[in-house]
Amino acid sequence: MGHEIAEAIIENGQIKYVNKKLPWGKLKVHIIYDSMEETNPETDIEKIVRETMGIYRDIDVESEAKKLRMSWERDVQN
């Protein structure tokens, strides 16, 4: 069984537009649509911060950042 893709506009449960002619008879279809809901990135960030807070409590951030930057540099003497 092959697959074909047609774009359509469905409004209030009724097909209003299809971009190409469909074959006669009964069609089994999968409907994939764009939802209007968007996730709030700030909510996701707050959740991640809450879950990971305190994991690296005793780390010297400036020292670790310096080590990381130095590892990216070429020919750097430690």
C-alpha atoms as a PDB file:
ATOM      1  CA  MET A   1       0.000   0.000   0.000  1.00  0.00           C
ATOM      2  CA  GLY A   2       1.403   3.351  -1.029  1.00  0.00           C
ATOM      3  CA  HIS A   3       0.903   6.703   0.630  1.00  0.00           C
ATOM      4  CA  GLU A   4      -0.096   9.996  -0.926  1.00  0.00           C
ATOM      5  CA  ILE A   5      -0.179  13.385   0.757  1.00  0.00           C
ATOM      6  CA  ALA A   6      -2.896  15.941   0.128  1.00  0.00           C
ATOM      7  CA  GLU A   7      -3.295  19.216   1.956  1.00  0.00           C
ATOM      8  CA  ALA A   8      -6.799  20.130   3.027  1.00  0.00           C
ATOM      9  CA  ILE A   9      -8.678  22.714   5.004  1.00  0.00           C
ATOM     10  CA  ILE A  10     -11.247  21.291   7.414  1.00  0.00           C
ATOM     11  CA  GLU A  11     -13.614  23.727   9.048  1.00  0.00           C
ATOM     12  CA  ASN A  12     -16.107  22.688  11.725  1.00  0.00           C
ATOM     13  CA  GLY A  13     -15.568  19.024  10.836  1.00  0.00           C
ATOM     14  CA  GLN A  14     -16.250  19.530   7.104  1.00  0.00           C
ATOM     15  CA  ILE A  15     -13.663  19.401   4.312  1.00  0.00           C
ATOM     16  CA  LYS A  16     -13.657  22.848   2.693  1.00  0.00           C
ATOM     17  CA  TYR A  17     -10.642  22.536   0.372  1.00  0.00           C
ATOM     18  CA  VAL A  18      -8.289  19.806  -0.908  1.00  0.00           C
ATOM     19  CA  ASN A  19      -5.244  20.719  -3.011  1.00  0.00           C
ATOM     20  CA  LYS A  20      -5.633  17.769  -5.414  1.00  0.00           C
ATOM     21  CA  LYS A  21      -8.218  15.352  -6.699  1.00  0.00           C
ATOM     22  CA  LEU A  22      -8.831  12.385  -4.419  1.00  0.00           C
ATOM     23  CA  PRO A  23      -9.652   8.888  -5.671  1.00  0.00           C
ATOM     24  CA  TRP A  24     -13.266   7.650  -5.618  1.00  0.00           C
ATOM     25  CA  GLY A  25     -14.510   5.402  -2.898  1.00  0.00           C
ATOM     26  CA  LYS A  26     -13.762   5.207   0.787  1.00  0.00           C
ATOM     27  CA  LEU A  27     -10.410   6.543   2.031  1.00  0.00           C
ATOM     28  CA  LYS A  28      -8.671   5.632   5.269  1.00  0.00           C
ATOM     29  CA  VAL A  29      -6.746   8.710   6.368  1.00  0.00           C
ATOM     30  CA  HIS A  30      -4.516   9.976   9.164  1.00  0.00           C
ATOM     31  CA  ILE A  31      -5.139  13.595  10.037  1.00  0.00           C
ATOM     32  CA  ILE A  32      -2.153  15.544  11.304  1.00  0.00           C
ATOM     33  CA  TYR A  33      -2.782  19.165  12.172  1.00  0.00           C
ATOM     34  CA  ASP A  34      -1.023  22.184  13.652  1.00  0.00           C
ATOM     35  CA  SER A  35      -2.308  22.934  17.119  1.00  0.00           C
ATOM     36  CA  MET A  36      -2.775  26.508  18.211  1.00  0.00           C
ATOM     37  CA  GLU A  37      -1.456  25.762  21.691  1.00  0.00           C
ATOM     38  CA  GLU A  38       2.106  26.768  22.361  1.00  0.00           C
ATOM     39  CA  THR A  39       4.205  25.753  25.316  1.00  0.00           C
ATOM     40  CA  ASN A  40       5.408  28.586  27.474  1.00  0.00           C
ATOM     41  CA  PRO A  41       9.230  28.377  27.447  1.00  0.00           C
ATOM     42  CA  GLU A  42       9.474  30.248  30.765  1.00  0.00           C
ATOM     43  CA  THR A  43       7.337  27.594  32.443  1.00  0.00           C
ATOM     44  CA  ASP A  44       9.623  24.885  31.022  1.00  0.00           C
ATOM     45  CA  ILE A  45      12.721  26.727  32.240  1.00  0.00           C
ATOM     46  CA  GLU A  46      11.255  27.190  35.717  1.00  0.00           C
ATOM     47  CA  LYS A  47      10.469  23.460  35.861  1.00  0.00           C
ATOM     48  CA  ILE A  48      14.023  22.524  34.836  1.00  0.00           C
ATOM     49  CA  VAL A  49      15.535  24.911  37.383  1.00  0.00           C
ATOM     50  CA  ARG A  50      13.319  23.511  40.143  1.00  0.00           C
ATOM     51  CA  GLU A  51      14.269  19.917  39.263  1.00  0.00           C
ATOM     52  CA  THR A  52      18.015  20.559  39.037  1.00  0.00           C
ATOM     53  CA  MET A  53      18.435  23.169  41.779  1.00  0.00           C
ATOM     54  CA  GLY A  54      21.171  22.253  44.224  1.00  0.00           C
ATOM     55  CA  ILE A  55      22.852  19.538  42.142  1.00  0.00           C
ATOM     56  CA  TYR A  56      26.077  21.564  41.734  1.00  0.00           C
ATOM     57  CA  ARG A  57      25.947  23.395  45.040  1.00  0.00           C
ATOM     58  CA  ASP A  58      29.708  23.387  45.827  1.00  0.00           C
ATOM     59  CA  ILE A  59      31.068  24.177  42.337  1.00  0.00           C
ATOM     60  CA  ASP A  60      33.153  27.295  41.686  1.00  0.00           C
ATOM     61  CA  VAL A  61      31.385  28.514  38.561  1.00  0.00           C
ATOM     62  CA  GLU A  62      34.054  31.004  37.462  1.00  0.00           C
ATOM     63  CA  SER A  63      36.847  28.447  37.790  1.00  0.00           C
ATOM     64  CA  GLU A  64      34.898  25.782  35.900  1.00  0.00           C
ATOM     65  CA  ALA A  65      34.007  28.253  33.129  1.00  0.00           C
ATOM     66  CA  LYS A  66      37.672  29.263  32.801  1.00  0.00           C
ATOM     67  CA  LYS A  67      38.770  25.599  32.569  1.00  0.00           C
ATOM     68  CA  LEU A  68      36.125  24.925  29.938  1.00  0.00           C
ATOM     69  CA  ARG A  69      37.124  27.950  27.840  1.00  0.00           C
ATOM     70  CA  MET A  70      40.781  26.976  28.083  1.00  0.00           C
ATOM     71  CA  SER A  71      39.981  23.446  26.872  1.00  0.00           C
ATOM     72  CA  TRP A  72      38.432  24.982  23.754  1.00  0.00           C
ATOM     73  CA  GLU A  73      41.556  27.030  22.959  1.00  0.00           C
ATOM     74  CA  ARG A  74      44.387  25.577  20.911  1.00  0.00           C
ATOM     75  CA  ASP A  75      47.975  25.578  22.165  1.00  0.00           C
ATOM     76  CA  VAL A  76      47.028  26.863  25.597  1.00  0.00           C
ATOM     77  CA  GLN A  77      49.463  26.177  28.428  1.00  0.00           C
ATOM     78  CA  ASN A  78      47.879  25.172  31.754  1.00  0.00           C
END
